[in-house]
Amino acid sequence: MKKPVDVDEYILGFPEETQKLLEEIRAIIKKAAPKAEEVISYSMPAFKQNGILVYFAGYKNHIGFYPTSSGILNFKEELSNYKSSKGAVQFPLDKPLPLKLITKIVKFRAVEDLKKSKTKKK
C-alpha cells in the first residue's frame, strides 16, 4: 500500500467490512477528542492534539489501536481480553469494537496530552 494522502484514502484501501470498522473507530475518536486533528503518521491514521493521541490501522484479521504505552498501561485490565503489547492492542474483525473502552482511552490520552503540553510551556 502506498502512503495515503489522508484518512479517507487510507480507509478506502480496505475491504468494505473493514472500512466500516475503521470508520466506526474514527468517529468514536473524533467524538472523544473533538479538538484533535486527523493526520497520517507512519502511514497510519492518527489523531493529534498537541502531540499524537492515538493511531489506528486496518489489518487482515484485526484493527490495530495504538494509544501509546500509557494508554495501554492505564487500561491494562479492561484490555486483558485482547491481544496487546506495550503500545498497541488488536481488536479482532469478527468481534464488535469496544466503543466505550476506546472512548475512555482516547479521553484519557487527550487529558494526558494537554497536561504534557502545559508542562512543556512552563
PDB file of N, CA and C in Angstrom:
ATOM      1  N   MET A   1       0.846  -1.186   0.000  1.00  0.00           N
ATOM      2  CA  MET A   1       0.000   0.000   0.000  1.00  0.00           C
ATOM      3  C   MET A   1       0.887   1.245   0.000  1.00  0.00           C
ATOM      4  N   LYS A   2       0.621   2.157  -0.956  1.00  0.00           N
ATOM      5  CA  LYS A   2       1.390   3.409  -0.981  1.00  0.00           C
ATOM      6  C   LYS A   2       0.918   4.288   0.173  1.00  0.00           C
ATOM      7  N   LYS A   3       1.743   5.246   0.530  1.00  0.00           N
ATOM      8  CA  LYS A   3       1.389   6.121   1.644  1.00  0.00           C
ATOM      9  C   LYS A   3       0.133   6.927   1.287  1.00  0.00           C
ATOM     10  N   PRO A   4      -0.916   6.809   2.099  1.00  0.00           N
ATOM     11  CA  PRO A   4      -2.147   7.539   1.802  1.00  0.00           C
ATOM     12  C   PRO A   4      -1.984   9.034   2.056  1.00  0.00           C
ATOM     13  N   VAL A   5      -2.710   9.855   1.284  1.00  0.00           N
ATOM     14  CA  VAL A   5      -2.617  11.302   1.469  1.00  0.00           C
ATOM     15  C   VAL A   5      -3.487  11.770   2.636  1.00  0.00           C
ATOM     16  N   ASP A   6      -4.545  11.021   2.927  1.00  0.00           N
ATOM     17  CA  ASP A   6      -5.403  11.378   4.057  1.00  0.00           C
ATOM     18  C   ASP A   6      -6.110  10.134   4.593  1.00  0.00           C
ATOM     19  N   VAL A   7      -6.865  10.318   5.646  1.00  0.00           N
ATOM     20  CA  VAL A   7      -7.518   9.188   6.308  1.00  0.00           C
ATOM     21  C   VAL A   7      -8.575   8.555   5.402  1.00  0.00           C
ATOM     22  N   ASP A   8      -9.279   9.358   4.640  1.00  0.00           N
ATOM     23  CA  ASP A   8     -10.271   8.808   3.707  1.00  0.00           C
ATOM     24  C   ASP A   8      -9.622   7.841   2.723  1.00  0.00           C
ATOM     25  N   GLU A   9      -8.525   8.255   2.130  1.00  0.00           N
ATOM     26  CA  GLU A   9      -7.823   7.392   1.175  1.00  0.00           C
ATOM     27  C   GLU A   9      -7.323   6.115   1.861  1.00  0.00           C
ATOM     28  N   TYR A  10      -6.822   6.257   3.081  1.00  0.00           N
ATOM     29  CA  TYR A  10      -6.353   5.090   3.826  1.00  0.00           C
ATOM     30  C   TYR A  10      -7.486   4.069   3.983  1.00  0.00           C
ATOM     31  N   ILE A  11      -8.626   4.539   4.455  1.00  0.00           N
ATOM     32  CA  ILE A  11      -9.759   3.646   4.729  1.00  0.00           C
ATOM     33  C   ILE A  11     -10.268   2.983   3.453  1.00  0.00           C
ATOM     34  N   LEU A  12     -10.281   3.717   2.344  1.00  0.00           N
ATOM     35  CA  LEU A  12     -10.760   3.161   1.074  1.00  0.00           C
ATOM     36  C   LEU A  12      -9.893   2.014   0.556  1.00  0.00           C
ATOM     37  N   GLY A  13      -8.700   1.856   1.096  1.00  0.00           N
ATOM     38  CA  GLY A  13      -7.804   0.780   0.674  1.00  0.00           C
ATOM     39  C   GLY A  13      -8.132  -0.576   1.281  1.00  0.00           C
ATOM     40  N   PHE A  14      -9.212  -0.660   2.042  1.00  0.00           N
ATOM     41  CA  PHE A  14      -9.572  -1.905   2.725  1.00  0.00           C
ATOM     42  C   PHE A  14     -10.896  -2.459   2.229  1.00  0.00           C
ATOM     43  N   PRO A  15     -11.128  -3.764   2.471  1.00  0.00           N
ATOM     44  CA  PRO A  15     -12.423  -4.352   2.119  1.00  0.00           C
ATOM     45  C   PRO A  15     -13.561  -3.620   2.860  1.00  0.00           C
ATOM     46  N   GLU A  16     -14.746  -3.684   2.295  1.00  0.00           N
ATOM     47  CA  GLU A  16     -15.894  -2.931   2.817  1.00  0.00           C
ATOM     48  C   GLU A  16     -16.162  -3.153   4.306  1.00  0.00           C
ATOM     49  N   GLU A  17     -16.099  -4.397   4.755  1.00  0.00           N
ATOM     50  CA  GLU A  17     -16.370  -4.677   6.183  1.00  0.00           C
ATOM     51  C   GLU A  17     -15.323  -4.011   7.083  1.00  0.00           C
ATOM     52  N   THR A  18     -14.072  -4.048   6.669  1.00  0.00           N
ATOM     53  CA  THR A  18     -13.002  -3.409   7.440  1.00  0.00           C
ATOM     54  C   THR A  18     -13.172  -1.890   7.399  1.00  0.00           C
ATOM     55  N   GLN A  19     -13.585  -1.366   6.245  1.00  0.00           N
ATOM     56  CA  GLN A  19     -13.831   0.073   6.124  1.00  0.00           C
ATOM     57  C   GLN A  19     -14.859   0.528   7.162  1.00  0.00           C
ATOM     58  N   LYS A  20     -15.919  -0.262   7.329  1.00  0.00           N
ATOM     59  CA  LYS A  20     -16.967   0.096   8.297  1.00  0.00           C
ATOM     60  C   LYS A  20     -16.393   0.198   9.710  1.00  0.00           C
ATOM     61  N   LEU A  21     -15.544  -0.763  10.081  1.00  0.00           N
ATOM     62  CA  LEU A  21     -14.935  -0.741  11.414  1.00  0.00           C
ATOM     63  C   LEU A  21     -13.969   0.438  11.571  1.00  0.00           C
ATOM     64  N   LEU A  22     -13.202   0.704  10.531  1.00  0.00           N
ATOM     65  CA  LEU A  22     -12.271   1.840  10.577  1.00  0.00           C
ATOM     66  C   LEU A  22     -13.035   3.161  10.706  1.00  0.00           C
ATOM     67  N   GLU A  23     -14.142   3.282   9.984  1.00  0.00           N
ATOM     68  CA  GLU A  23     -14.968   4.494  10.093  1.00  0.00           C
ATOM     69  C   GLU A  23     -15.591   4.605  11.481  1.00  0.00           C
ATOM     70  N   GLU A  24     -15.955   3.460  12.042  1.00  0.00           N
ATOM     71  CA  GLU A  24     -16.543   3.448  13.389  1.00  0.00           C
ATOM     72  C   GLU A  24     -15.530   3.927  14.428  1.00  0.00           C
ATOM     73  N   ILE A  25     -14.323   3.407  14.354  1.00  0.00           N
ATOM     74  CA  ILE A  25     -13.299   3.806  15.322  1.00  0.00           C
ATOM     75  C   ILE A  25     -12.911   5.281  15.100  1.00  0.00           C
ATOM     76  N   ARG A  26     -12.872   5.704  13.854  1.00  0.00           N
ATOM     77  CA  ARG A  26     -12.581   7.099  13.519  1.00  0.00           C
ATOM     78  C   ARG A  26     -13.620   8.035  14.143  1.00  0.00           C
ATOM     79  N   ALA A  27     -14.896   7.690  14.008  1.00  0.00           N
ATOM     80  CA  ALA A  27     -15.978   8.517  14.550  1.00  0.00           C
ATOM     81  C   ALA A  27     -15.920   8.590  16.075  1.00  0.00           C
ATOM     82  N   ILE A  28     -15.610   7.475  16.707  1.00  0.00           N
ATOM     83  CA  ILE A  28     -15.509   7.423  18.172  1.00  0.00           C
ATOM     84  C   ILE A  28     -14.362   8.322  18.652  1.00  0.00           C
ATOM     85  N   ILE A  29     -13.241   8.263  17.960  1.00  0.00           N
ATOM     86  CA  ILE A  29     -12.087   9.082  18.348  1.00  0.00           C
ATOM     87  C   ILE A  29     -12.424  10.563  18.174  1.00  0.00           C
ATOM     88  N   LYS A  30     -13.043  10.911  17.044  1.00  0.00           N
ATOM     89  CA  LYS A  30     -13.429  12.317  16.798  1.00  0.00           C
ATOM     90  C   LYS A  30     -14.355  12.831  17.901  1.00  0.00           C
ATOM     91  N   LYS A  31     -15.302  11.995  18.299  1.00  0.00           N
ATOM     92  CA  LYS A  31     -16.268  12.396  19.328  1.00  0.00           C
ATOM     93  C   LYS A  31     -15.579  12.537  20.691  1.00  0.00           C
ATOM     94  N   ALA A  32     -14.664  11.634  21.001  1.00  0.00           N
ATOM     95  CA  ALA A  32     -13.982  11.646  22.297  1.00  0.00           C
ATOM     96  C   ALA A  32     -12.931  12.750  22.402  1.00  0.00           C
ATOM     97  N   ALA A  33     -12.372  13.152  21.276  1.00  0.00           N
ATOM     98  CA  ALA A  33     -11.335  14.200  21.261  1.00  0.00           C
ATOM     99  C   ALA A  33     -11.658  15.189  20.137  1.00  0.00           C
ATOM    100  N   PRO A  34     -12.717  15.987  20.316  1.00  0.00           N
ATOM    101  CA  PRO A  34     -13.167  16.867  19.232  1.00  0.00           C
ATOM    102  C   PRO A  34     -12.161  17.929  18.790  1.00  0.00           C
ATOM    103  N   LYS A  35     -11.191  18.259  19.636  1.00  0.00           N
ATOM    104  CA  LYS A  35     -10.189  19.270  19.268  1.00  0.00           C
ATOM    105  C   LYS A  35      -8.999  18.664  18.523  1.00  0.00           C
ATOM    106  N   ALA A  36      -8.949  17.336  18.474  1.00  0.00           N
ATOM    107  CA  ALA A  36      -7.833  16.664  17.807  1.00  0.00           C
ATOM    108  C   ALA A  36      -7.992  16.735  16.289  1.00  0.00           C
ATOM    109  N   GLU A  37      -6.868  16.770  15.625  1.00  0.00           N
ATOM    110  CA  GLU A  37      -6.820  16.867  14.168  1.00  0.00           C
ATOM    111  C   GLU A  37      -6.425  15.510  13.585  1.00  0.00           C
ATOM    112  N   GLU A  38      -7.075  15.131  12.507  1.00  0.00           N
ATOM    113  CA  GLU A  38      -6.713  13.895  11.816  1.00  0.00           C
ATOM    114  C   GLU A  38      -5.440  14.110  11.008  1.00  0.00           C
ATOM    115  N   VAL A  39      -4.536  13.163  11.110  1.00  0.00           N
ATOM    116  CA  VAL A  39      -3.304  13.214  10.323  1.00  0.00           C
ATOM    117  C   VAL A  39      -2.943  11.794   9.896  1.00  0.00           C
ATOM    118  N   ILE A  40      -2.039  11.705   8.954  1.00  0.00           N
ATOM    119  CA  ILE A  40      -1.423  10.420   8.621  1.00  0.00           C
ATOM    120  C   ILE A  40      -0.008  10.489   9.175  1.00  0.00           C
ATOM    121  N   SER A  41       0.334   9.524  10.009  1.00  0.00           N
ATOM    122  CA  SER A  41       1.660   9.460  10.598  1.00  0.00           C
ATOM    123  C   SER A  41       2.111   8.006  10.567  1.00  0.00           C
ATOM    124  N   TYR A  42       3.334   7.751  10.163  1.00  0.00           N
ATOM    125  CA  TYR A  42       3.824   6.386   9.974  1.00  0.00           C
ATOM    126  C   TYR A  42       2.887   5.605   9.055  1.00  0.00           C
ATOM    127  N   SER A  43       2.326   6.282   8.053  1.00  0.00           N
ATOM    128  CA  SER A  43       1.402   5.702   7.069  1.00  0.00           C
ATOM    129  C   SER A  43       0.102   5.178   7.677  1.00  0.00           C
ATOM    130  N   MET A  44      -0.235   5.637   8.878  1.00  0.00           N
ATOM    131  CA  MET A  44      -1.473   5.230   9.549  1.00  0.00           C
ATOM    132  C   MET A  44      -2.285   6.466   9.924  1.00  0.00           C
ATOM    133  N   PRO A  45      -3.602   6.310  10.038  1.00  0.00           N
ATOM    134  CA  PRO A  45      -4.409   7.403  10.570  1.00  0.00           C
ATOM    135  C   PRO A  45      -4.044   7.655  12.033  1.00  0.00           C
ATOM    136  N   ALA A  46      -4.003   8.914  12.395  1.00  0.00           N
ATOM    137  CA  ALA A  46      -3.702   9.283  13.771  1.00  0.00           C
ATOM    138  C   ALA A  46      -4.492  10.541  14.112  1.00  0.00           C
ATOM    139  N   PHE A  47      -4.653  10.765  15.396  1.00  0.00           N
ATOM    140  CA  PHE A  47      -5.293  11.988  15.867  1.00  0.00           C
ATOM    141  C   PHE A  47      -4.295  12.719  16.733  1.00  0.00           C
ATOM    142  N   LYS A  48      -4.129  14.008  16.427  1.00  0.00           N
ATOM    143  CA  LYS A  48      -3.111  14.831  17.063  1.00  0.00           C
ATOM    144  C   LYS A  48      -3.772  16.029  17.730  1.00  0.00           C
ATOM    145  N   GLN A  49      -3.402  16.276  18.973  1.00  0.00           N
ATOM    146  CA  GLN A  49      -3.858  17.466  19.677  1.00  0.00           C
ATOM    147  C   GLN A  49      -2.634  18.382  19.749  1.00  0.00           C
ATOM    148  N   ASN A  50      -1.822  18.223  20.780  1.00  0.00           N
ATOM    149  CA  ASN A  50      -0.506  18.865  20.811  1.00  0.00           C
ATOM    150  C   ASN A  50       0.509  17.865  20.271  1.00  0.00           C
ATOM    151  N   GLY A  51       0.367  16.645  20.737  1.00  0.00           N
ATOM    152  CA  GLY A  51       1.132  15.524  20.217  1.00  0.00           C
ATOM    153  C   GLY A  51       0.137  14.491  19.723  1.00  0.00           C
ATOM    154  N   ILE A  52       0.625  13.356  19.234  1.00  0.00           N
ATOM    155  CA  ILE A  52      -0.265  12.297  18.767  1.00  0.00           C
ATOM    156  C   ILE A  52      -0.983  11.686  19.967  1.00  0.00           C
ATOM    157  N   LEU A  53      -2.301  11.584  19.874  1.00  0.00           N
ATOM    158  CA  LEU A  53      -3.092  10.937  20.932  1.00  0.00           C
ATOM    159  C   LEU A  53      -3.138   9.433  20.698  1.00  0.00           C
ATOM    160  N   VAL A  54      -3.609   9.053  19.514  1.00  0.00           N
ATOM    161  CA  VAL A  54      -3.754   7.645  19.166  1.00  0.00           C
ATOM    162  C   VAL A  54      -3.568   7.466  17.660  1.00  0.00           C
ATOM    163  N   TYR A  55      -3.194   6.255  17.294  1.00  0.00           N
ATOM    164  CA  TYR A  55      -3.153   5.810  15.905  1.00  0.00           C
ATOM    165  C   TYR A  55      -4.146   4.660  15.800  1.00  0.00           C
ATOM    166  N   PHE A  56      -4.594   4.382  14.585  1.00  0.00           N
ATOM    167  CA  PHE A  56      -5.338   3.147  14.352  1.00  0.00           C
ATOM    168  C   PHE A  56      -5.017   2.662  12.948  1.00  0.00           C
ATOM    169  N   ALA A  57      -5.206   1.365  12.718  1.00  0.00           N
ATOM    170  CA  ALA A  57      -4.843   0.803  11.420  1.00  0.00           C
ATOM    171  C   ALA A  57      -5.637  -0.467  11.151  1.00  0.00           C
ATOM    172  N   GLY A  58      -5.845  -0.729   9.876  1.00  0.00           N
ATOM    173  CA  GLY A  58      -6.534  -1.945   9.467  1.00  0.00           C
ATOM    174  C   GLY A  58      -5.539  -3.031   9.091  1.00  0.00           C
ATOM    175  N   TYR A  59      -5.899  -4.260   9.407  1.00  0.00           N
ATOM    176  CA  TYR A  59      -5.091  -5.430   9.054  1.00  0.00           C
ATOM    177  C   TYR A  59      -6.019  -6.528   8.569  1.00  0.00           C
ATOM    178  N   LYS A  60      -5.467  -7.620   8.136  1.00  0.00           N
ATOM    179  CA  LYS A  60      -6.261  -8.720   7.583  1.00  0.00           C
ATOM    180  C   LYS A  60      -7.275  -9.268   8.594  1.00  0.00           C
ATOM    181  N   ASN A  61      -6.862  -9.421   9.862  1.00  0.00           N
ATOM    182  CA  ASN A  61      -7.724 -10.055  10.856  1.00  0.00           C
ATOM    183  C   ASN A  61      -8.096  -9.179  12.052  1.00  0.00           C
ATOM    184  N   HIS A  62      -7.580  -7.953  12.084  1.00  0.00           N
ATOM    185  CA  HIS A  62      -7.867  -7.100  13.241  1.00  0.00           C
ATOM    186  C   HIS A  62      -7.727  -5.610  12.906  1.00  0.00           C
ATOM    187  N   ILE A  63      -8.200  -4.803  13.833  1.00  0.00           N
ATOM    188  CA  ILE A  63      -7.953  -3.365  13.798  1.00  0.00           C
ATOM    189  C   ILE A  63      -6.894  -3.104  14.864  1.00  0.00           C
ATOM    190  N   GLY A  64      -5.817  -2.480  14.486  1.00  0.00           N
ATOM    191  CA  GLY A  64      -4.781  -2.117  15.450  1.00  0.00           C
ATOM    192  C   GLY A  64      -5.108  -0.755  16.036  1.00  0.00           C
ATOM    193  N   PHE A  65      -4.993  -0.644  17.341  1.00  0.00           N
ATOM    194  CA  PHE A  65      -5.258   0.614  18.037  1.00  0.00           C
ATOM    195  C   PHE A  65      -4.028   0.910  18.871  1.00  0.00           C
ATOM    196  N   TYR A  66      -3.462   2.099  18.700  1.00  0.00           N
ATOM    197  CA  TYR A  66      -2.180   2.448  19.298  1.00  0.00           C
ATOM    198  C   TYR A  66      -2.326   3.700  20.176  1.00  0.00           C
ATOM    199  N   PRO A  67      -2.687   3.511  21.449  1.00  0.00           N
ATOM    200  CA  PRO A  67      -2.862   4.664  22.341  1.00  0.00           C
ATOM    201  C   PRO A  67      -1.607   5.000  23.142  1.00  0.00           C
ATOM    202  N   THR A  68      -0.467   4.605  22.675  1.00  0.00           N
ATOM    203  CA  THR A  68       0.831   4.727  23.350  1.00  0.00           C
ATOM    204  C   THR A  68       0.874   3.826  24.578  1.00  0.00           C
ATOM    205  N   SER A  69       2.027   3.712  25.169  1.00  0.00           N
ATOM    206  CA  SER A  69       2.193   2.800  26.310  1.00  0.00           C
ATOM    207  C   SER A  69       1.347   3.218  27.507  1.00  0.00           C
ATOM    208  N   SER A  70       1.164   4.520  27.727  1.00  0.00           N
ATOM    209  CA  SER A  70       0.358   4.953  28.881  1.00  0.00           C
ATOM    210  C   SER A  70      -1.105   4.570  28.706  1.00  0.00           C
ATOM    211  N   GLY A  71      -1.608   4.639  27.485  1.00  0.00           N
ATOM    212  CA  GLY A  71      -2.985   4.235  27.218  1.00  0.00           C
ATOM    213  C   GLY A  71      -3.202   2.757  27.466  1.00  0.00           C
ATOM    214  N   ILE A  72      -2.215   1.951  27.121  1.00  0.00           N
ATOM    215  CA  ILE A  72      -2.304   0.505  27.355  1.00  0.00           C
ATOM    216  C   ILE A  72      -2.182   0.218  28.853  1.00  0.00           C
ATOM    217  N   LEU A  73      -1.193   0.813  29.487  1.00  0.00           N
ATOM    218  CA  LEU A  73      -0.932   0.569  30.907  1.00  0.00           C
ATOM    219  C   LEU A  73      -2.116   0.960  31.797  1.00  0.00           C
ATOM    220  N   ASN A  74      -2.702   2.109  31.540  1.00  0.00           N
ATOM    221  CA  ASN A  74      -3.794   2.595  32.373  1.00  0.00           C
ATOM    222  C   ASN A  74      -5.102   1.828  32.189  1.00  0.00           C
ATOM    223  N   PHE A  75      -5.221   1.080  31.122  1.00  0.00           N
ATOM    224  CA  PHE A  75      -6.444   0.304  30.867  1.00  0.00           C
ATOM    225  C   PHE A  75      -6.116  -1.177  30.695  1.00  0.00           C
ATOM    226  N   LYS A  76      -4.999  -1.577  31.295  1.00  0.00           N
ATOM    227  CA  LYS A  76      -4.493  -2.938  31.142  1.00  0.00           C
ATOM    228  C   LYS A  76      -5.542  -4.002  31.473  1.00  0.00           C
ATOM    229  N   GLU A  77      -6.237  -3.835  32.583  1.00  0.00           N
ATOM    230  CA  GLU A  77      -7.230  -4.832  32.985  1.00  0.00           C
ATOM    231  C   GLU A  77      -8.393  -4.905  31.994  1.00  0.00           C
ATOM    232  N   GLU A  78      -8.888  -3.751  31.561  1.00  0.00           N
ATOM    233  CA  GLU A  78     -10.008  -3.719  30.614  1.00  0.00           C
ATOM    234  C   GLU A  78      -9.605  -4.228  29.229  1.00  0.00           C
ATOM    235  N   LEU A  79      -8.318  -4.173  28.922  1.00  0.00           N
ATOM    236  CA  LEU A  79      -7.815  -4.651  27.638  1.00  0.00           C
ATOM    237  C   LEU A  79      -7.352  -6.105  27.695  1.00  0.00           C
ATOM    238  N   SER A  80      -7.483  -6.736  28.855  1.00  0.00           N
ATOM    239  CA  SER A  80      -6.927  -8.086  29.051  1.00  0.00           C
ATOM    240  C   SER A  80      -7.541  -9.146  28.135  1.00  0.00           C
ATOM    241  N   ASN A  81      -8.723  -8.900  27.585  1.00  0.00           N
ATOM    242  CA  ASN A  81      -9.344  -9.872  26.674  1.00  0.00           C
ATOM    243  C   ASN A  81      -8.827  -9.762  25.249  1.00  0.00           C
ATOM    244  N   TYR A  82      -7.947  -8.800  25.007  1.00  0.00           N
ATOM    245  CA  TYR A  82      -7.431  -8.555  23.662  1.00  0.00           C
ATOM    246  C   TYR A  82      -5.930  -8.792  23.615  1.00  0.00           C
ATOM    247  N   LYS A  83      -5.449  -9.176  22.448  1.00  0.00           N
ATOM    248  CA  LYS A  83      -4.014  -9.315  22.245  1.00  0.00           C
ATOM    249  C   LYS A  83      -3.423  -7.905  22.273  1.00  0.00           C
ATOM    250  N   SER A  84      -2.410  -7.710  23.112  1.00  0.00           N
ATOM    251  CA  SER A  84      -1.819  -6.373  23.198  1.00  0.00           C
ATOM    252  C   SER A  84      -0.322  -6.460  23.455  1.00  0.00           C
ATOM    253  N   SER A  85       0.318  -5.316  23.276  1.00  0.00           N
ATOM    254  CA  SER A  85       1.742  -5.190  23.560  1.00  0.00           C
ATOM    255  C   SER A  85       1.920  -3.879  24.319  1.00  0.00           C
ATOM    256  N   LYS A  86       3.137  -3.438  24.463  1.00  0.00           N
ATOM    257  CA  LYS A  86       3.428  -2.234  25.244  1.00  0.00           C
ATOM    258  C   LYS A  86       2.634  -1.004  24.778  1.00  0.00           C
ATOM    259  N   GLY A  87       2.436  -0.846  23.478  1.00  0.00           N
ATOM    260  CA  GLY A  87       1.768   0.351  22.986  1.00  0.00           C
ATOM    261  C   GLY A  87       0.623   0.099  22.021  1.00  0.00           C
ATOM    262  N   ALA A  88       0.215  -1.165  21.887  1.00  0.00           N
ATOM    263  CA  ALA A  88      -0.802  -1.489  20.882  1.00  0.00           C
ATOM    264  C   ALA A  88      -1.771  -2.543  21.398  1.00  0.00           C
ATOM    265  N   VAL A  89      -2.957  -2.521  20.796  1.00  0.00           N
ATOM    266  CA  VAL A  89      -3.952  -3.556  21.092  1.00  0.00           C
ATOM    267  C   VAL A  89      -4.611  -3.950  19.769  1.00  0.00           C
ATOM    268  N   GLN A  90      -5.001  -5.218  19.672  1.00  0.00           N
ATOM    269  CA  GLN A  90      -5.643  -5.718  18.467  1.00  0.00           C
ATOM    270  C   GLN A  90      -7.107  -6.031  18.757  1.00  0.00           C
ATOM    271  N   PHE A  91      -8.002  -5.424  17.966  1.00  0.00           N
ATOM    272  CA  PHE A  91      -9.420  -5.712  18.064  1.00  0.00           C
ATOM    273  C   PHE A  91      -9.786  -6.591  16.868  1.00  0.00           C
ATOM    274  N   PRO A  92     -10.171  -7.862  17.115  1.00  0.00           N
ATOM    275  CA  PRO A  92     -10.485  -8.783  16.011  1.00  0.00           C
ATOM    276  C   PRO A  92     -11.626  -8.257  15.135  1.00  0.00           C
ATOM    277  N   LEU A  93     -11.505  -8.501  13.825  1.00  0.00           N
ATOM    278  CA  LEU A  93     -12.520  -8.033  12.884  1.00  0.00           C
ATOM    279  C   LEU A  93     -13.869  -8.730  13.089  1.00  0.00           C
ATOM    280  N   ASP A  94     -13.845  -9.926  13.648  1.00  0.00           N
ATOM    281  CA  ASP A  94     -15.097 -10.684  13.798  1.00  0.00           C
ATOM    282  C   ASP A  94     -15.807 -10.439  15.129  1.00  0.00           C
ATOM    283  N   LYS A  95     -15.352  -9.452  15.889  1.00  0.00           N
ATOM    284  CA  LYS A  95     -15.986  -9.104  17.163  1.00  0.00           C
ATOM    285  C   LYS A  95     -16.326  -7.608  17.137  1.00  0.00           C
ATOM    286  N   PRO A  96     -17.384  -7.209  17.870  1.00  0.00           N
ATOM    287  CA  PRO A  96     -17.709  -5.776  17.919  1.00  0.00           C
ATOM    288  C   PRO A  96     -16.577  -4.981  18.575  1.00  0.00           C
ATOM    289  N   LEU A  97     -16.355  -3.775  18.084  1.00  0.00           N
ATOM    290  CA  LEU A  97     -15.344  -2.902  18.686  1.00  0.00           C
ATOM    291  C   LEU A  97     -15.811  -2.477  20.083  1.00  0.00           C
ATOM    292  N   PRO A  98     -14.903  -2.434  21.059  1.00  0.00           N
ATOM    293  CA  PRO A  98     -15.277  -1.981  22.413  1.00  0.00           C
ATOM    294  C   PRO A  98     -15.336  -0.449  22.451  1.00  0.00           C
ATOM    295  N   LEU A  99     -16.407   0.108  21.911  1.00  0.00           N
ATOM    296  CA  LEU A  99     -16.503   1.552  21.690  1.00  0.00           C
ATOM    297  C   LEU A  99     -16.400   2.369  22.977  1.00  0.00           C
ATOM    298  N   LYS A 100     -17.021   1.903  24.049  1.00  0.00           N
ATOM    299  CA  LYS A 100     -16.939   2.641  25.323  1.00  0.00           C
ATOM    300  C   LYS A 100     -15.506   2.660  25.838  1.00  0.00           C
ATOM    301  N   LEU A 101     -14.820   1.538  25.720  1.00  0.00           N
ATOM    302  CA  LEU A 101     -13.430   1.454  26.169  1.00  0.00           C
ATOM    303  C   LEU A 101     -12.529   2.348  25.308  1.00  0.00           C
ATOM    304  N   ILE A 102     -12.725   2.320  24.002  1.00  0.00           N
ATOM    305  CA  ILE A 102     -11.929   3.178  23.114  1.00  0.00           C
ATOM    306  C   ILE A 102     -12.155   4.639  23.490  1.00  0.00           C
ATOM    307  N   THR A 103     -13.411   5.006  23.742  1.00  0.00           N
ATOM    308  CA  THR A 103     -13.734   6.384  24.143  1.00  0.00           C
ATOM    309  C   THR A 103     -12.986   6.764  25.411  1.00  0.00           C
ATOM    310  N   LYS A 104     -13.013   5.892  26.416  1.00  0.00           N
ATOM    311  CA  LYS A 104     -12.316   6.180  27.684  1.00  0.00           C
ATOM    312  C   LYS A 104     -10.816   6.366  27.463  1.00  0.00           C
ATOM    313  N   ILE A 105     -10.232   5.507  26.640  1.00  0.00           N
ATOM    314  CA  ILE A 105      -8.787   5.589  26.385  1.00  0.00           C
ATOM    315  C   ILE A 105      -8.445   6.885  25.653  1.00  0.00           C
ATOM    316  N   VAL A 106      -9.235   7.253  24.648  1.00  0.00           N
ATOM    317  CA  VAL A 106      -8.967   8.477  23.887  1.00  0.00           C
ATOM    318  C   VAL A 106      -9.099   9.702  24.794  1.00  0.00           C
ATOM    319  N   LYS A 107     -10.141   9.733  25.629  1.00  0.00           N
ATOM    320  CA  LYS A 107     -10.314  10.860  26.552  1.00  0.00           C
ATOM    321  C   LYS A 107      -9.142  10.949  27.530  1.00  0.00           C
ATOM    322  N   PHE A 108      -8.698   9.796  28.024  1.00  0.00           N
ATOM    323  CA  PHE A 108      -7.535   9.741  28.910  1.00  0.00           C
ATOM    324  C   PHE A 108      -6.311  10.331  28.203  1.00  0.00           C
ATOM    325  N   ARG A 109      -6.084   9.910  26.956  1.00  0.00           N
ATOM    326  CA  ARG A 109      -4.919  10.384  26.211  1.00  0.00           C
ATOM    327  C   ARG A 109      -5.013  11.889  25.925  1.00  0.00           C
ATOM    328  N   ALA A 110      -6.226  12.395  25.669  1.00  0.00           N
ATOM    329  CA  ALA A 110      -6.395  13.829  25.405  1.00  0.00           C
ATOM    330  C   ALA A 110      -6.032  14.652  26.640  1.00  0.00           C
ATOM    331  N   VAL A 111      -6.476  14.206  27.816  1.00  0.00           N
ATOM    332  CA  VAL A 111      -6.146  14.902  29.068  1.00  0.00           C
ATOM    333  C   VAL A 111      -4.652  14.811  29.334  1.00  0.00           C
ATOM    334  N   GLU A 112      -4.100  13.639  29.140  1.00  0.00           N
ATOM    335  CA  GLU A 112      -2.662  13.431  29.345  1.00  0.00           C
ATOM    336  C   GLU A 112      -1.848  14.336  28.416  1.00  0.00           C
ATOM    337  N   ASP A 113      -2.261  14.428  27.167  1.00  0.00           N
ATOM    338  CA  ASP A 113      -1.572  15.265  26.187  1.00  0.00           C
ATOM    339  C   ASP A 113      -1.633  16.735  26.579  1.00  0.00           C
ATOM    340  N   LEU A 114      -2.780  17.178  27.051  1.00  0.00           N
ATOM    341  CA  LEU A 114      -2.956  18.565  27.477  1.00  0.00           C
ATOM    342  C   LEU A 114      -2.048  18.895  28.657  1.00  0.00           C
ATOM    343  N   LYS A 115      -2.004  18.000  29.638  1.00  0.00           N
ATOM    344  CA  LYS A 115      -1.131  18.200  30.804  1.00  0.00           C
ATOM    345  C   LYS A 115       0.330  18.286  30.368  1.00  0.00           C
ATOM    346  N   LYS A 116       0.717  17.392  29.480  1.00  0.00           N
ATOM    347  CA  LYS A 116       2.092  17.346  28.988  1.00  0.00           C
ATOM    348  C   LYS A 116       2.456  18.646  28.264  1.00  0.00           C
ATOM    349  N   SER A 117       1.532  19.170  27.469  1.00  0.00           N
ATOM    350  CA  SER A 117       1.831  20.394  26.714  1.00  0.00           C
ATOM    351  C   SER A 117       1.932  21.594  27.662  1.00  0.00           C
ATOM    352  N   LYS A 118       1.127  21.635  28.715  1.00  0.00           N
ATOM    353  CA  LYS A 118       1.203  22.725  29.686  1.00  0.00           C
ATOM    354  C   LYS A 118       2.516  22.686  30.449  1.00  0.00           C
ATOM    355  N   THR A 119       2.991  21.484  30.760  1.00  0.00           N
ATOM    356  CA  THR A 119       4.259  21.306  31.459  1.00  0.00           C
ATOM    357  C   THR A 119       5.410  21.804  30.577  1.00  0.00           C
ATOM    358  N   LYS A 120       5.347  21.494  29.287  1.00  0.00           N
ATOM    359  CA  LYS A 120       6.405  21.922  28.345  1.00  0.00           C
ATOM    360  C   LYS A 120       6.452  23.432  28.193  1.00  0.00           C
ATOM    361  N   LYS A 121       5.295  24.091  28.264  1.00  0.00           N
ATOM    362  CA  LYS A 121       5.238  25.542  28.072  1.00  0.00           C
ATOM    363  C   LYS A 121       5.803  26.325  29.244  1.00  0.00           C
ATOM    364  N   LYS A 122       5.885  25.686  30.414  1.00  0.00           N
ATOM    365  CA  LYS A 122       6.393  26.394  31.600  1.00  0.00           C
ATOM    366  C   LYS A 122       7.877  26.610  31.553  1.00  0.00           C
TER     367      LYS A 122
END
